[in-house]
Amino acid sequence: MTEQDELYSRNPDFIFRRIIDETILVPVHRDLAEMDCIYTLNELGALLWERLETPASKIELRKAILDTYDAAEDTAAADLDRFLEEMQSIGALLRA
């Protein structure tokens, strides 16, 4: 399995909510001292998080970006890599 085929999935310890014009992720199994850890997703992040309702590969996620936005492939790939890195760094994404 290559890195492109590797599957990513949501960490069930994070809940996703749309509140008016904002999309947020909230860790639900953190200690109360860490409850200031509420993450706001931009439009692209929200699209990808919704797509990750079921595990998906980088190829599938990049396709979702390209199907939704008028973006160059290299821009979509860079944005996706940044999203995956950031979400993994906070523990919101798991490699399936």
N, C-alpha and C. Protein backbone atom coordinates (compact mmCIF):
# COMPACT_ATOMS: atom_id res chain seq x y z
N MET A 1 0.86 -1.19 0.00
CA MET A 1 0.00 0.00 0.00
C MET A 1 0.90 1.24 0.00
N THR A 2 0.63 2.15 -0.90
CA THR A 2 1.40 3.39 -0.96
C THR A 2 0.77 4.44 -0.05
N GLU A 3 1.50 5.53 0.16
CA GLU A 3 0.97 6.61 0.99
C GLU A 3 -0.33 7.16 0.40
N GLN A 4 -0.43 7.17 -0.93
CA GLN A 4 -1.64 7.69 -1.59
C GLN A 4 -2.86 6.80 -1.33
N ASP A 5 -2.61 5.49 -1.12
CA ASP A 5 -3.70 4.54 -0.90
C ASP A 5 -4.09 4.41 0.58
N GLU A 6 -3.22 4.89 1.45
CA GLU A 6 -3.46 4.78 2.88
C GLU A 6 -4.76 5.50 3.24
N LEU A 7 -5.54 4.90 4.11
CA LEU A 7 -6.83 5.48 4.47
C LEU A 7 -6.73 6.33 5.73
N TYR A 8 -7.47 7.41 5.73
CA TYR A 8 -7.57 8.30 6.89
C TYR A 8 -9.00 8.26 7.38
N SER A 9 -9.16 8.39 8.69
CA SER A 9 -10.51 8.43 9.25
C SER A 9 -10.56 9.42 10.39
N ARG A 10 -11.76 9.84 10.72
CA ARG A 10 -11.98 10.76 11.83
C ARG A 10 -11.69 10.05 13.15
N ASN A 11 -11.16 10.78 14.09
CA ASN A 11 -11.04 10.28 15.45
C ASN A 11 -12.40 10.49 16.12
N PRO A 12 -13.03 9.44 16.63
CA PRO A 12 -14.36 9.59 17.24
C PRO A 12 -14.34 10.45 18.51
N ASP A 13 -13.16 10.80 18.99
CA ASP A 13 -13.07 11.67 20.17
C ASP A 13 -13.26 13.14 19.82
N PHE A 14 -13.55 13.45 18.56
CA PHE A 14 -13.81 14.82 18.13
C PHE A 14 -15.22 14.91 17.57
N ILE A 15 -15.94 15.95 17.98
CA ILE A 15 -17.25 16.18 17.38
C ILE A 15 -17.16 17.38 16.45
N PHE A 16 -18.00 17.38 15.45
CA PHE A 16 -18.01 18.36 14.36
C PHE A 16 -19.35 19.06 14.39
N ARG A 17 -19.33 20.38 14.42
CA ARG A 17 -20.57 21.14 14.44
C ARG A 17 -20.47 22.36 13.54
N ARG A 18 -21.58 22.66 12.85
CA ARG A 18 -21.69 23.92 12.10
C ARG A 18 -22.52 24.85 12.96
N ILE A 19 -21.96 26.02 13.23
CA ILE A 19 -22.66 27.01 14.04
C ILE A 19 -22.65 28.30 13.24
N ILE A 20 -23.81 28.66 12.76
CA ILE A 20 -24.00 29.80 11.87
C ILE A 20 -23.06 29.64 10.68
N ASP A 21 -22.03 30.48 10.56
CA ASP A 21 -21.13 30.40 9.41
C ASP A 21 -19.81 29.73 9.75
N GLU A 22 -19.71 29.13 10.93
CA GLU A 22 -18.45 28.51 11.33
C GLU A 22 -18.61 27.01 11.49
N THR A 23 -17.53 26.32 11.22
CA THR A 23 -17.48 24.88 11.42
C THR A 23 -16.40 24.62 12.44
N ILE A 24 -16.77 23.90 13.51
CA ILE A 24 -15.81 23.68 14.58
C ILE A 24 -15.64 22.19 14.88
N LEU A 25 -14.46 21.88 15.40
CA LEU A 25 -14.15 20.55 15.93
C LEU A 25 -13.89 20.73 17.42
N VAL A 26 -14.49 19.85 18.20
CA VAL A 26 -14.31 19.91 19.65
C VAL A 26 -13.87 18.54 20.13
N PRO A 27 -12.73 18.47 20.83
CA PRO A 27 -12.33 17.20 21.42
C PRO A 27 -13.23 16.92 22.62
N VAL A 28 -13.79 15.71 22.69
CA VAL A 28 -14.73 15.41 23.77
C VAL A 28 -14.13 14.56 24.89
N HIS A 29 -12.98 14.01 24.70
CA HIS A 29 -12.38 13.18 25.74
C HIS A 29 -11.09 13.79 26.28
N ARG A 30 -11.05 15.10 26.34
CA ARG A 30 -9.88 15.78 26.90
C ARG A 30 -10.21 16.20 28.32
N ASP A 31 -9.21 16.48 29.06
CA ASP A 31 -9.41 16.94 30.42
C ASP A 31 -9.93 18.38 30.41
N LEU A 32 -10.66 18.74 31.43
CA LEU A 32 -11.31 20.06 31.45
C LEU A 32 -10.31 21.21 31.29
N ALA A 33 -9.08 21.02 31.73
CA ALA A 33 -8.08 22.07 31.58
C ALA A 33 -7.77 22.35 30.11
N GLU A 34 -8.10 21.39 29.23
CA GLU A 34 -7.82 21.54 27.81
C GLU A 34 -9.05 21.93 27.00
N MET A 35 -10.12 22.31 27.65
CA MET A 35 -11.36 22.60 26.91
C MET A 35 -11.26 23.87 26.07
N ASP A 36 -10.15 24.58 26.15
CA ASP A 36 -9.98 25.73 25.25
C ASP A 36 -9.53 25.27 23.87
N CYS A 37 -9.47 23.96 23.68
CA CYS A 37 -9.02 23.37 22.41
C CYS A 37 -10.21 23.17 21.47
N ILE A 38 -10.76 24.25 21.00
CA ILE A 38 -11.83 24.18 20.01
C ILE A 38 -11.23 24.68 18.71
N TYR A 39 -11.38 23.90 17.65
CA TYR A 39 -10.73 24.20 16.38
C TYR A 39 -11.77 24.64 15.35
N THR A 40 -11.48 25.72 14.68
CA THR A 40 -12.35 26.22 13.62
C THR A 40 -11.80 25.76 12.28
N LEU A 41 -12.66 25.17 11.46
CA LEU A 41 -12.25 24.70 10.13
C LEU A 41 -12.66 25.73 9.09
N ASN A 42 -11.80 25.92 8.10
CA ASN A 42 -12.19 26.76 6.97
C ASN A 42 -13.09 25.94 6.05
N GLU A 43 -13.53 26.53 4.96
CA GLU A 43 -14.45 25.86 4.04
C GLU A 43 -13.88 24.54 3.50
N LEU A 44 -12.61 24.56 3.14
CA LEU A 44 -11.97 23.35 2.63
C LEU A 44 -11.86 22.30 3.72
N GLY A 45 -11.47 22.71 4.92
CA GLY A 45 -11.37 21.78 6.03
C GLY A 45 -12.71 21.13 6.34
N ALA A 46 -13.78 21.92 6.29
CA ALA A 46 -15.12 21.38 6.54
C ALA A 46 -15.51 20.37 5.45
N LEU A 47 -15.20 20.68 4.20
CA LEU A 47 -15.48 19.75 3.11
C LEU A 47 -14.77 18.42 3.34
N LEU A 48 -13.49 18.49 3.67
CA LEU A 48 -12.70 17.28 3.87
C LEU A 48 -13.17 16.50 5.09
N TRP A 49 -13.50 17.20 6.17
CA TRP A 49 -13.98 16.52 7.38
C TRP A 49 -15.28 15.78 7.07
N GLU A 50 -16.18 16.42 6.34
CA GLU A 50 -17.44 15.76 5.98
C GLU A 50 -17.17 14.55 5.09
N ARG A 51 -16.24 14.68 4.16
CA ARG A 51 -15.89 13.55 3.27
C ARG A 51 -15.31 12.39 4.07
N LEU A 52 -14.68 12.68 5.19
CA LEU A 52 -14.08 11.65 6.03
C LEU A 52 -15.09 10.97 6.96
N GLU A 53 -16.37 11.14 6.67
CA GLU A 53 -17.40 10.41 7.43
C GLU A 53 -17.12 8.91 7.32
N THR A 54 -16.61 8.51 6.17
CA THR A 54 -16.11 7.15 5.99
C THR A 54 -14.63 7.27 5.63
N PRO A 55 -13.80 6.29 6.01
CA PRO A 55 -12.38 6.39 5.70
C PRO A 55 -12.13 6.66 4.21
N ALA A 56 -11.11 7.47 3.95
CA ALA A 56 -10.80 7.85 2.56
C ALA A 56 -9.29 7.96 2.38
N SER A 57 -8.86 7.74 1.14
CA SER A 57 -7.44 7.86 0.79
C SER A 57 -7.15 9.30 0.35
N LYS A 58 -5.85 9.60 0.26
CA LYS A 58 -5.45 10.92 -0.24
C LYS A 58 -5.97 11.14 -1.65
N ILE A 59 -5.98 10.10 -2.46
CA ILE A 59 -6.48 10.21 -3.83
C ILE A 59 -7.95 10.62 -3.82
N GLU A 60 -8.75 9.96 -2.98
CA GLU A 60 -10.18 10.27 -2.90
C GLU A 60 -10.41 11.68 -2.37
N LEU A 61 -9.63 12.08 -1.37
CA LEU A 61 -9.79 13.42 -0.81
C LEU A 61 -9.37 14.50 -1.80
N ARG A 62 -8.28 14.27 -2.52
CA ARG A 62 -7.85 15.24 -3.54
C ARG A 62 -8.91 15.36 -4.63
N LYS A 63 -9.52 14.24 -5.02
CA LYS A 63 -10.59 14.28 -6.02
C LYS A 63 -11.77 15.11 -5.52
N ALA A 64 -12.11 14.98 -4.24
CA ALA A 64 -13.20 15.77 -3.67
C ALA A 64 -12.89 17.27 -3.77
N ILE A 65 -11.63 17.64 -3.51
CA ILE A 65 -11.24 19.05 -3.64
C ILE A 65 -11.38 19.51 -5.09
N LEU A 66 -10.84 18.72 -6.01
CA LEU A 66 -10.87 19.11 -7.43
C LEU A 66 -12.28 19.12 -7.99
N ASP A 67 -13.16 18.25 -7.48
CA ASP A 67 -14.56 18.24 -7.94
C ASP A 67 -15.34 19.46 -7.42
N THR A 68 -14.89 20.01 -6.30
CA THR A 68 -15.62 21.11 -5.66
C THR A 68 -15.07 22.48 -6.02
N TYR A 69 -13.74 22.57 -6.14
CA TYR A 69 -13.09 23.86 -6.36
C TYR A 69 -12.35 23.88 -7.69
N ASP A 70 -12.25 25.06 -8.24
CA ASP A 70 -11.46 25.26 -9.46
C ASP A 70 -10.02 25.50 -9.02
N ALA A 71 -9.32 24.40 -8.76
CA ALA A 71 -7.95 24.50 -8.24
C ALA A 71 -7.02 23.65 -9.08
N ALA A 72 -5.77 24.06 -9.14
CA ALA A 72 -4.74 23.27 -9.82
C ALA A 72 -4.45 22.03 -8.97
N GLU A 73 -4.05 20.95 -9.63
CA GLU A 73 -3.76 19.71 -8.91
C GLU A 73 -2.70 19.89 -7.84
N ASP A 74 -1.63 20.64 -8.14
CA ASP A 74 -0.57 20.82 -7.15
C ASP A 74 -1.04 21.64 -5.96
N THR A 75 -1.92 22.60 -6.19
CA THR A 75 -2.49 23.40 -5.10
C THR A 75 -3.39 22.52 -4.23
N ALA A 76 -4.23 21.71 -4.87
CA ALA A 76 -5.11 20.80 -4.13
C ALA A 76 -4.29 19.83 -3.30
N ALA A 77 -3.23 19.28 -3.87
CA ALA A 77 -2.38 18.33 -3.14
C ALA A 77 -1.70 19.00 -1.94
N ALA A 78 -1.21 20.22 -2.13
CA ALA A 78 -0.54 20.94 -1.03
C ALA A 78 -1.53 21.28 0.08
N ASP A 79 -2.73 21.74 -0.30
CA ASP A 79 -3.75 22.06 0.70
C ASP A 79 -4.17 20.81 1.46
N LEU A 80 -4.31 19.71 0.76
CA LEU A 80 -4.68 18.45 1.40
C LEU A 80 -3.60 18.00 2.37
N ASP A 81 -2.35 18.06 1.95
CA ASP A 81 -1.25 17.67 2.84
C ASP A 81 -1.25 18.51 4.11
N ARG A 82 -1.46 19.81 3.97
CA ARG A 82 -1.50 20.71 5.13
C ARG A 82 -2.65 20.33 6.06
N PHE A 83 -3.83 20.07 5.49
CA PHE A 83 -4.99 19.67 6.30
C PHE A 83 -4.69 18.37 7.05
N LEU A 84 -4.17 17.37 6.35
CA LEU A 84 -3.89 16.08 6.99
C LEU A 84 -2.85 16.23 8.10
N GLU A 85 -1.81 17.00 7.85
CA GLU A 85 -0.78 17.23 8.87
C GLU A 85 -1.36 17.90 10.11
N GLU A 86 -2.13 18.96 9.90
CA GLU A 86 -2.70 19.70 11.02
C GLU A 86 -3.69 18.85 11.81
N MET A 87 -4.54 18.12 11.13
CA MET A 87 -5.52 17.29 11.82
C MET A 87 -4.86 16.13 12.59
N GLN A 88 -3.81 15.57 12.01
CA GLN A 88 -3.10 14.52 12.73
C GLN A 88 -2.34 15.09 13.93
N SER A 89 -1.82 16.30 13.80
CA SER A 89 -1.05 16.89 14.91
C SER A 89 -1.91 17.16 16.13
N ILE A 90 -3.21 17.41 15.94
CA ILE A 90 -4.11 17.62 17.09
C ILE A 90 -4.83 16.34 17.48
N GLY A 91 -4.59 15.26 16.74
CA GLY A 91 -5.21 13.98 17.07
C GLY A 91 -6.60 13.79 16.51
N ALA A 92 -7.04 14.65 15.59
CA ALA A 92 -8.39 14.57 15.04
C ALA A 92 -8.53 13.51 13.95
N LEU A 93 -7.41 13.14 13.31
CA LEU A 93 -7.44 12.13 12.25
C LEU A 93 -6.59 10.94 12.64
N LEU A 94 -7.05 9.80 12.18
CA LEU A 94 -6.34 8.55 12.39
C LEU A 94 -6.02 7.93 11.04
N ARG A 95 -4.95 7.20 10.97
CA ARG A 95 -4.68 6.41 9.78
C ARG A 95 -5.38 5.07 9.99
N ALA A 96 -6.25 4.76 9.06
CA ALA A 96 -7.07 3.54 9.20
C ALA A 96 -6.27 2.29 8.85
